[in-house]
């Protein structure tokens, strides 16, 4: 009977250690998940900003082209070609 109680105590202690380890692992995983989500959001924001920058750059090129066309038209009009 004494050996059975000692075995039960040992099993309970091992079970408690395993449970404690799993609880700590769960906490660590939750922290990592939060950190990963924050990083993913930062990357998404950087990507979005980059895309907006490209659109802006393209719109500037378009504005420059329009200005060149208008300038050419005005020049042709001034020179009597229109």
PDB file of N, CA and C in Angstrom:
ATOM      1  N   UNK A   1       0.832  -1.192   0.000  1.00  0.00           N
ATOM      2  CA  UNK A   1       0.000   0.000   0.000  1.00  0.00           C
ATOM      3  C   UNK A   1       0.877   1.256   0.000  1.00  0.00           C
ATOM      4  N   UNK A   2       1.948   1.259   0.764  1.00  0.00           N
ATOM      5  CA  UNK A   2       2.854   2.401   0.830  1.00  0.00           C
ATOM      6  C   UNK A   2       3.514   2.679  -0.504  1.00  0.00           C
ATOM      7  N   UNK A   3       3.846   1.607  -1.242  1.00  0.00           N
ATOM      8  CA  UNK A   3       4.473   1.770  -2.559  1.00  0.00           C
ATOM      9  C   UNK A   3       3.471   2.377  -3.536  1.00  0.00           C
ATOM     10  N   UNK A   4       2.213   1.952  -3.462  1.00  0.00           N
ATOM     11  CA  UNK A   4       1.178   2.493  -4.342  1.00  0.00           C
ATOM     12  C   UNK A   4       0.983   3.990  -4.086  1.00  0.00           C
ATOM     13  N   UNK A   5       0.987   4.395  -2.837  1.00  0.00           N
ATOM     14  CA  UNK A   5       0.826   5.812  -2.489  1.00  0.00           C
ATOM     15  C   UNK A   5       2.022   6.600  -3.000  1.00  0.00           C
ATOM     16  N   UNK A   6       3.216   6.043  -2.838  1.00  0.00           N
ATOM     17  CA  UNK A   6       4.426   6.718  -3.314  1.00  0.00           C
ATOM     18  C   UNK A   6       4.389   6.854  -4.839  1.00  0.00           C
ATOM     19  N   UNK A   7       3.962   5.810  -5.524  1.00  0.00           N
ATOM     20  CA  UNK A   7       3.837   5.864  -6.992  1.00  0.00           C
ATOM     21  C   UNK A   7       2.798   6.902  -7.414  1.00  0.00           C
ATOM     22  N   UNK A   8       1.686   6.920  -6.702  1.00  0.00           N
ATOM     23  CA  UNK A   8       0.625   7.892  -7.005  1.00  0.00           C
ATOM     24  C   UNK A   8       1.149   9.312  -6.796  1.00  0.00           C
ATOM     25  N   UNK A   9       1.862   9.543  -5.729  1.00  0.00           N
ATOM     26  CA  UNK A   9       2.437  10.868  -5.443  1.00  0.00           C
ATOM     27  C   UNK A   9       3.419  11.277  -6.548  1.00  0.00           C
ATOM     28  N   UNK A  10       4.234  10.336  -6.974  1.00  0.00           N
ATOM     29  CA  UNK A  10       5.200  10.610  -8.041  1.00  0.00           C
ATOM     30  C   UNK A  10       4.472  10.950  -9.334  1.00  0.00           C
ATOM     31  N   UNK A  11       3.440  10.171  -9.660  1.00  0.00           N
ATOM     32  CA  UNK A  11       2.658  10.427 -10.867  1.00  0.00           C
ATOM     33  C   UNK A  11       1.979  11.795 -10.806  1.00  0.00           C
ATOM     34  N   UNK A  12       1.441  12.125  -9.642  1.00  0.00           N
ATOM     35  CA  UNK A  12       0.775  13.428  -9.478  1.00  0.00           C
ATOM     36  C   UNK A  12       1.776  14.568  -9.635  1.00  0.00           C
ATOM     37  N   UNK A  13       2.962  14.415  -9.091  1.00  0.00           N
ATOM     38  CA  UNK A  13       3.997  15.443  -9.207  1.00  0.00           C
ATOM     39  C   UNK A  13       4.424  15.604 -10.663  1.00  0.00           C
ATOM     40  N   UNK A  14       4.600  14.494 -11.371  1.00  0.00           N
ATOM     41  CA  UNK A  14       4.961  14.547 -12.787  1.00  0.00           C
ATOM     42  C   UNK A  14       3.848  15.187 -13.611  1.00  0.00           C
ATOM     43  N   UNK A  15       2.611  14.814 -13.292  1.00  0.00           N
ATOM     44  CA  UNK A  15       1.465  15.396 -13.993  1.00  0.00           C
ATOM     45  C   UNK A  15       1.428  16.902 -13.773  1.00  0.00           C
ATOM     46  N   UNK A  16       1.671  17.337 -12.563  1.00  0.00           N
ATOM     47  CA  UNK A  16       1.651  18.767 -12.253  1.00  0.00           C
ATOM     48  C   UNK A  16       2.775  19.495 -12.995  1.00  0.00           C
ATOM     49  N   UNK A  17       3.948  18.888 -13.081  1.00  0.00           N
ATOM     50  CA  UNK A  17       5.066  19.490 -13.818  1.00  0.00           C
ATOM     51  C   UNK A  17       4.727  19.623 -15.303  1.00  0.00           C
ATOM     52  N   UNK A  18       4.128  18.574 -15.848  1.00  0.00           N
ATOM     53  CA  UNK A  18       3.737  18.610 -17.251  1.00  0.00           C
ATOM     54  C   UNK A  18       2.682  19.689 -17.493  1.00  0.00           C
ATOM     55  N   UNK A  19       1.715  19.770 -16.573  1.00  0.00           N
ATOM     56  CA  UNK A  19       0.654  20.777 -16.680  1.00  0.00           C
ATOM     57  C   UNK A  19       1.250  22.176 -16.613  1.00  0.00           C
ATOM     58  N   UNK A  20       2.155  22.396 -15.670  1.00  0.00           N
ATOM     59  CA  UNK A  20       2.800  23.703 -15.539  1.00  0.00           C
ATOM     60  C   UNK A  20       3.589  24.057 -16.800  1.00  0.00           C
ATOM     61  N   UNK A  21       4.288  23.078 -17.349  1.00  0.00           N
ATOM     62  CA  UNK A  21       5.062  23.311 -18.569  1.00  0.00           C
ATOM     63  C   UNK A  21       4.138  23.671 -19.729  1.00  0.00           C
ATOM     64  N   UNK A  22       2.995  22.986 -19.832  1.00  0.00           N
ATOM     65  CA  UNK A  22       2.046  23.282 -20.911  1.00  0.00           C
ATOM     66  C   UNK A  22       1.413  24.660 -20.738  1.00  0.00           C
ATOM     67  N   UNK A  23       1.142  25.056 -19.509  1.00  0.00           N
ATOM     68  CA  UNK A  23       0.584  26.383 -19.246  1.00  0.00           C
ATOM     69  C   UNK A  23       1.587  27.454 -19.674  1.00  0.00           C
ATOM     70  N   UNK A  24       2.856  27.265 -19.339  1.00  0.00           N
ATOM     71  CA  UNK A  24       3.902  28.212 -19.738  1.00  0.00           C
ATOM     72  C   UNK A  24       4.062  28.248 -21.255  1.00  0.00           C
ATOM     73  N   UNK A  25       4.017  27.093 -21.879  1.00  0.00           N
ATOM     74  CA  UNK A  25       4.114  27.020 -23.338  1.00  0.00           C
ATOM     75  C   UNK A  25       2.965  27.773 -23.992  1.00  0.00           C
ATOM     76  N   UNK A  26       1.764  27.616 -23.454  1.00  0.00           N
ATOM     77  CA  UNK A  26       0.597  28.317 -23.990  1.00  0.00           C
ATOM     78  C   UNK A  26       0.778  29.825 -23.875  1.00  0.00           C
ATOM     79  N   UNK A  27       1.292  30.288 -22.740  1.00  0.00           N
ATOM     80  CA  UNK A  27       1.536  31.725 -22.564  1.00  0.00           C
ATOM     81  C   UNK A  27       2.540  32.232 -23.592  1.00  0.00           C
ATOM     82  N   UNK A  28       3.633  31.497 -23.769  1.00  0.00           N
ATOM     83  CA  UNK A  28       4.665  31.892 -24.723  1.00  0.00           C
ATOM     84  C   UNK A  28       4.114  31.925 -26.146  1.00  0.00           C
ATOM     85  N   UNK A  29       3.315  30.924 -26.496  1.00  0.00           N
ATOM     86  CA  UNK A  29       2.729  30.885 -27.838  1.00  0.00           C
ATOM     87  C   UNK A  29       1.783  32.061 -28.068  1.00  0.00           C
ATOM     88  N   UNK A  30       1.001  32.410 -27.061  1.00  0.00           N
ATOM     89  CA  UNK A  30       0.100  33.557 -27.188  1.00  0.00           C
ATOM     90  C   UNK A  30       0.883  34.854 -27.396  1.00  0.00           C
ATOM     91  N   UNK A  31       1.987  35.011 -26.670  1.00  0.00           N
ATOM     92  CA  UNK A  31       2.833  36.200 -26.855  1.00  0.00           C
ATOM     93  C   UNK A  31       3.404  36.218 -28.267  1.00  0.00           C
ATOM     94  N   UNK A  32       3.869  35.075 -28.762  1.00  0.00           N
ATOM     95  CA  UNK A  32       4.421  34.996 -30.107  1.00  0.00           C
ATOM     96  C   UNK A  32       3.368  35.288 -31.170  1.00  0.00           C
ATOM     97  N   UNK A  33       2.156  34.821 -30.949  1.00  0.00           N
ATOM     98  CA  UNK A  33       1.064  35.080 -31.896  1.00  0.00           C
ATOM     99  C   UNK A  33       0.774  36.577 -31.963  1.00  0.00           C
ATOM    100  N   UNK A  34       0.701  37.218 -30.806  1.00  0.00           N
ATOM    101  CA  UNK A  34       0.444  38.663 -30.766  1.00  0.00           C
ATOM    102  C   UNK A  34       1.567  39.414 -31.474  1.00  0.00           C
ATOM    103  N   UNK A  35       2.792  39.018 -31.193  1.00  0.00           N
ATOM    104  CA  UNK A  35       3.956  39.661 -31.817  1.00  0.00           C
ATOM    105  C   UNK A  35       3.945  39.472 -33.333  1.00  0.00           C
ATOM    106  N   UNK A  36       3.622  38.279 -33.774  1.00  0.00           N
ATOM    107  CA  UNK A  36       3.567  37.986 -35.215  1.00  0.00           C
ATOM    108  C   UNK A  36       2.467  38.785 -35.892  1.00  0.00           C
ATOM    109  N   UNK A  37       1.318  38.897 -35.250  1.00  0.00           N
ATOM    110  CA  UNK A  37       0.226  39.693 -35.820  1.00  0.00           C
ATOM    111  C   UNK A  37       0.622  41.159 -35.929  1.00  0.00           C
ATOM    112  N   UNK A  38       1.312  41.673 -34.908  1.00  0.00           N
ATOM    113  CA  UNK A  38       1.758  43.068 -34.937  1.00  0.00           C
ATOM    114  C   UNK A  38       2.760  43.281 -36.070  1.00  0.00           C
ATOM    115  N   UNK A  39       3.679  42.332 -36.239  1.00  0.00           N
ATOM    116  CA  UNK A  39       4.656  42.426 -37.316  1.00  0.00           C
ATOM    117  C   UNK A  39       3.970  42.367 -38.680  1.00  0.00           C
ATOM    118  N   UNK A  40       3.011  41.472 -38.804  1.00  0.00           N
ATOM    119  CA  UNK A  40       2.281  41.344 -40.078  1.00  0.00           C
ATOM    120  C   UNK A  40       1.544  42.646 -40.397  1.00  0.00           C
ATOM    121  N   UNK A  41       0.957  43.266 -39.386  1.00  0.00           N
ATOM    122  CA  UNK A  41       0.258  44.534 -39.591  1.00  0.00           C
ATOM    123  C   UNK A  41       1.243  45.618 -40.026  1.00  0.00           C
ATOM    124  N   UNK A  42       2.412  45.649 -39.393  1.00  0.00           N
ATOM    125  CA  UNK A  42       3.434  46.633 -39.772  1.00  0.00           C
ATOM    126  C   UNK A  42       3.875  46.420 -41.211  1.00  0.00           C
ATOM    127  N   UNK A  43       4.082  45.168 -41.610  1.00  0.00           N
ATOM    128  CA  UNK A  43       4.462  44.877 -42.992  1.00  0.00           C
ATOM    129  C   UNK A  43       3.353  45.284 -43.961  1.00  0.00           C
ATOM    130  N   UNK A  44       2.114  45.031 -43.582  1.00  0.00           N
ATOM    131  CA  UNK A  44       0.992  45.407 -44.446  1.00  0.00           C
ATOM    132  C   UNK A  44       0.928  46.915 -44.607  1.00  0.00           C
ATOM    133  N   UNK A  45       1.131  47.640 -43.514  1.00  0.00           N
ATOM    134  CA  UNK A  45       1.112  49.107 -43.591  1.00  0.00           C
ATOM    135  C   UNK A  45       2.250  49.621 -44.468  1.00  0.00           C
ATOM    136  N   UNK A  46       3.423  49.018 -44.339  1.00  0.00           N
ATOM    137  CA  UNK A  46       4.561  49.424 -45.168  1.00  0.00           C
ATOM    138  C   UNK A  46       4.274  49.133 -46.636  1.00  0.00           C
ATOM    139  N   UNK A  47       3.677  47.985 -46.905  1.00  0.00           N
ATOM    140  CA  UNK A  47       3.310  47.629 -48.276  1.00  0.00           C
ATOM    141  C   UNK A  47       2.293  48.612 -48.835  1.00  0.00           C
ATOM    142  N   UNK A  48       1.284  48.933 -48.038  1.00  0.00           N
ATOM    143  CA  UNK A  48       0.260  49.884 -48.476  1.00  0.00           C
ATOM    144  C   UNK A  48       0.871  51.258 -48.758  1.00  0.00           C
ATOM    145  N   UNK A  49       1.783  51.690 -47.898  1.00  0.00           N
ATOM    146  CA  UNK A  49       2.442  52.984 -48.103  1.00  0.00           C
ATOM    147  C   UNK A  49       3.264  52.959 -49.386  1.00  0.00           C
ATOM    148  N   UNK A  50       3.944  51.860 -49.636  1.00  0.00           N
ATOM    149  CA  UNK A  50       4.710  51.729 -50.867  1.00  0.00           C
ATOM    150  C   UNK A  50       3.817  51.800 -52.096  1.00  0.00           C
ATOM    151  N   UNK A  51       2.686  51.130 -52.034  1.00  0.00           N
ATOM    152  CA  UNK A  51       1.745  51.158 -53.160  1.00  0.00           C
ATOM    153  C   UNK A  51       1.214  52.574 -53.389  1.00  0.00           C
ATOM    154  N   UNK A  52       0.901  53.279 -52.281  1.00  0.00           N
ATOM    155  CA  UNK A  52       0.430  54.658 -52.419  1.00  0.00           C
ATOM    156  C   UNK A  52       1.523  55.539 -53.028  1.00  0.00           C
ATOM    157  N   UNK A  53       2.749  55.288 -52.643  1.00  0.00           N
ATOM    158  CA  UNK A  53       3.875  56.060 -53.202  1.00  0.00           C
ATOM    159  C   UNK A  53       3.996  55.832 -54.699  1.00  0.00           C
ATOM    160  N   UNK A  54       3.848  54.572 -55.124  1.00  0.00           N
ATOM    161  CA  UNK A  54       3.925  54.277 -56.556  1.00  0.00           C
ATOM    162  C   UNK A  54       2.798  54.960 -57.327  1.00  0.00           C
ATOM    163  N   UNK A  55       1.603  54.965 -56.761  1.00  0.00           N
ATOM    164  CA  UNK A  55       0.472  55.641 -57.409  1.00  0.00           C
ATOM    165  C   UNK A  55       0.766  57.133 -57.512  1.00  0.00           C
ATOM    166  N   UNK A  56       1.303  57.699 -56.434  1.00  0.00           N
ATOM    167  CA  UNK A  56       1.637  59.122 -56.451  1.00  0.00           C
ATOM    168  C   UNK A  56       2.688  59.428 -57.516  1.00  0.00           C
ATOM    169  N   UNK A  57       3.718  58.602 -57.570  1.00  0.00           N
ATOM    170  CA  UNK A  57       4.778  58.797 -58.569  1.00  0.00           C
ATOM    171  C   UNK A  57       4.195  58.705 -59.974  1.00  0.00           C
ATOM    172  N   UNK A  58       3.347  57.709 -60.201  1.00  0.00           N
ATOM    173  CA  UNK A  58       2.716  57.568 -61.518  1.00  0.00           C
ATOM    174  C   UNK A  58       1.837  58.770 -61.835  1.00  0.00           C
ATOM    175  N   UNK A  59       1.118  59.286 -60.847  1.00  0.00           N
ATOM    176  CA  UNK A  59       0.247  60.437 -61.093  1.00  0.00           C
ATOM    177  C   UNK A  59       1.090  61.669 -61.407  1.00  0.00           C
ATOM    178  N   UNK A  60       2.264  61.786 -60.796  1.00  0.00           N
ATOM    179  CA  UNK A  60       3.154  62.906 -61.100  1.00  0.00           C
ATOM    180  C   UNK A  60       3.647  62.815 -62.540  1.00  0.00           C
ATOM    181  N   UNK A  61       3.981  61.602 -62.964  1.00  0.00           N
ATOM    182  CA  UNK A  61       4.410  61.411 -64.348  1.00  0.00           C
ATOM    183  C   UNK A  61       3.279  61.801 -65.292  1.00  0.00           C
ATOM    184  N   UNK A  62       2.072  61.417 -64.957  1.00  0.00           N
ATOM    185  CA  UNK A  62       0.908  61.746 -65.776  1.00  0.00           C
ATOM    186  C   UNK A  62       0.721  63.259 -65.819  1.00  0.00           C
ATOM    187  N   UNK A  63       0.850  63.905 -64.671  1.00  0.00           N
ATOM    188  CA  UNK A  63       0.705  65.365 -64.617  1.00  0.00           C
ATOM    189  C   UNK A  63       1.783  66.038 -65.463  1.00  0.00           C
ATOM    190  N   UNK A  64       3.002  65.496 -65.401  1.00  0.00           N
ATOM    191  CA  UNK A  64       4.090  66.047 -66.217  1.00  0.00           C
ATOM    192  C   UNK A  64       3.783  65.882 -67.699  1.00  0.00           C
ATOM    193  N   UNK A  65       3.254  64.729 -68.091  1.00  0.00           N
ATOM    194  CA  UNK A  65       2.918  64.485 -69.502  1.00  0.00           C
ATOM    195  C   UNK A  65       1.834  65.445 -69.960  1.00  0.00           C
ATOM    196  N   UNK A  66       0.826  65.639 -69.115  1.00  0.00           N
ATOM    197  CA  UNK A  66      -0.265  66.562 -69.468  1.00  0.00           C
ATOM    198  C   UNK A  66       0.286  67.972 -69.612  1.00  0.00           C
ATOM    199  N   UNK A  67       1.171  68.361 -68.688  1.00  0.00           N
ATOM    200  CA  UNK A  67       1.768  69.698 -68.763  1.00  0.00           C
ATOM    201  C   UNK A  67       2.564  69.853 -70.053  1.00  0.00           C
ATOM    202  N   UNK A  68       3.286  68.809 -70.463  1.00  0.00           N
ATOM    203  CA  UNK A  68       4.048  68.857 -71.712  1.00  0.00           C
ATOM    204  C   UNK A  68       3.119  69.007 -72.916  1.00  0.00           C
ATOM    205  N   UNK A  69       2.026  68.274 -72.912  1.00  0.00           N
ATOM    206  CA  UNK A  69       1.060  68.334 -74.022  1.00  0.00           C
ATOM    207  C   UNK A  69       0.444  69.732 -74.101  1.00  0.00           C
ATOM    208  N   UNK A  70       0.022  70.244 -72.925  1.00  0.00           N
ATOM    209  CA  UNK A  70      -0.578  71.585 -72.895  1.00  0.00           C
ATOM    210  C   UNK A  70       0.432  72.621 -73.370  1.00  0.00           C
ATOM    211  N   UNK A  71       1.662  72.483 -72.908  1.00  0.00           N
ATOM    212  CA  UNK A  71       2.722  73.415 -73.319  1.00  0.00           C
ATOM    213  C   UNK A  71       2.934  73.347 -74.829  1.00  0.00           C
ATOM    214  N   UNK A  72       2.942  72.154 -75.378  1.00  0.00           N
ATOM    215  CA  UNK A  72       3.109  71.991 -76.831  1.00  0.00           C
ATOM    216  C   UNK A  72       1.958  72.621 -77.589  1.00  0.00           C
ATOM    217  N   UNK A  73       0.753  72.414 -77.091  1.00  0.00           N
ATOM    218  CA  UNK A  73      -0.430  72.985 -77.753  1.00  0.00           C
ATOM    219  C   UNK A  73      -0.364  74.504 -77.715  1.00  0.00           C
ATOM    220  N   UNK A  74      -0.007  75.032 -76.541  1.00  0.00           N
ATOM    221  CA  UNK A  74       0.096  76.488 -76.414  1.00  0.00           C
ATOM    222  C   UNK A  74       1.183  77.043 -77.325  1.00  0.00           C
ATOM    223  N   UNK A  75       2.280  76.324 -77.424  1.00  0.00           N
ATOM    224  CA  UNK A  75       3.376  76.742 -78.291  1.00  0.00           C
ATOM    225  C   UNK A  75       2.940  76.725 -79.755  1.00  0.00           C
ATOM    226  N   UNK A  76       2.238  75.680 -80.148  1.00  0.00           N
ATOM    227  CA  UNK A  76       1.752  75.587 -81.533  1.00  0.00           C
ATOM    228  C   UNK A  76       0.739  76.685 -81.790  1.00  0.00           C
ATOM    229  N   UNK A  77      -0.120  76.966 -80.830  1.00  0.00           N
ATOM    230  CA  UNK A  77      -1.131  78.022 -80.971  1.00  0.00           C
ATOM    231  C   UNK A  77      -0.442  79.378 -81.091  1.00  0.00           C
ATOM    232  N   UNK A  78       0.565  79.576 -80.260  1.00  0.00           N
ATOM    233  CA  UNK A  78       1.306  80.841 -80.278  1.00  0.00           C
ATOM    234  C   UNK A  78       2.028  81.037 -81.619  1.00  0.00           C
ATOM    235  N   UNK A  79       2.506  79.961 -82.178  1.00  0.00           N
ATOM    236  CA  UNK A  79       3.238  80.037 -83.452  1.00  0.00           C
ATOM    237  C   UNK A  79       2.305  79.987 -84.664  1.00  0.00           C
ATOM    238  N   UNK A  80       1.020  79.990 -84.412  1.00  0.00           N
ATOM    239  CA  UNK A  80       0.047  80.035 -85.490  1.00  0.00           C
ATOM    240  C   UNK A  80      -0.182  78.721 -86.194  1.00  0.00           C
ATOM    241  N   UNK A  81       0.278  77.648 -85.602  1.00  0.00           N
ATOM    242  CA  UNK A  81       0.066  76.335 -86.240  1.00  0.00           C
ATOM    243  C   UNK A  81      -1.277  75.743 -85.877  1.00  0.00           C
ATOM    244  N   UNK A  82      -1.970  76.368 -84.952  1.00  0.00           N
ATOM    245  CA  UNK A  82      -3.311  75.865 -84.592  1.00  0.00           C
ATOM    246  C   UNK A  82      -4.305  76.960 -84.855  1.00  0.00           C
TER     247      UNK A  82
END
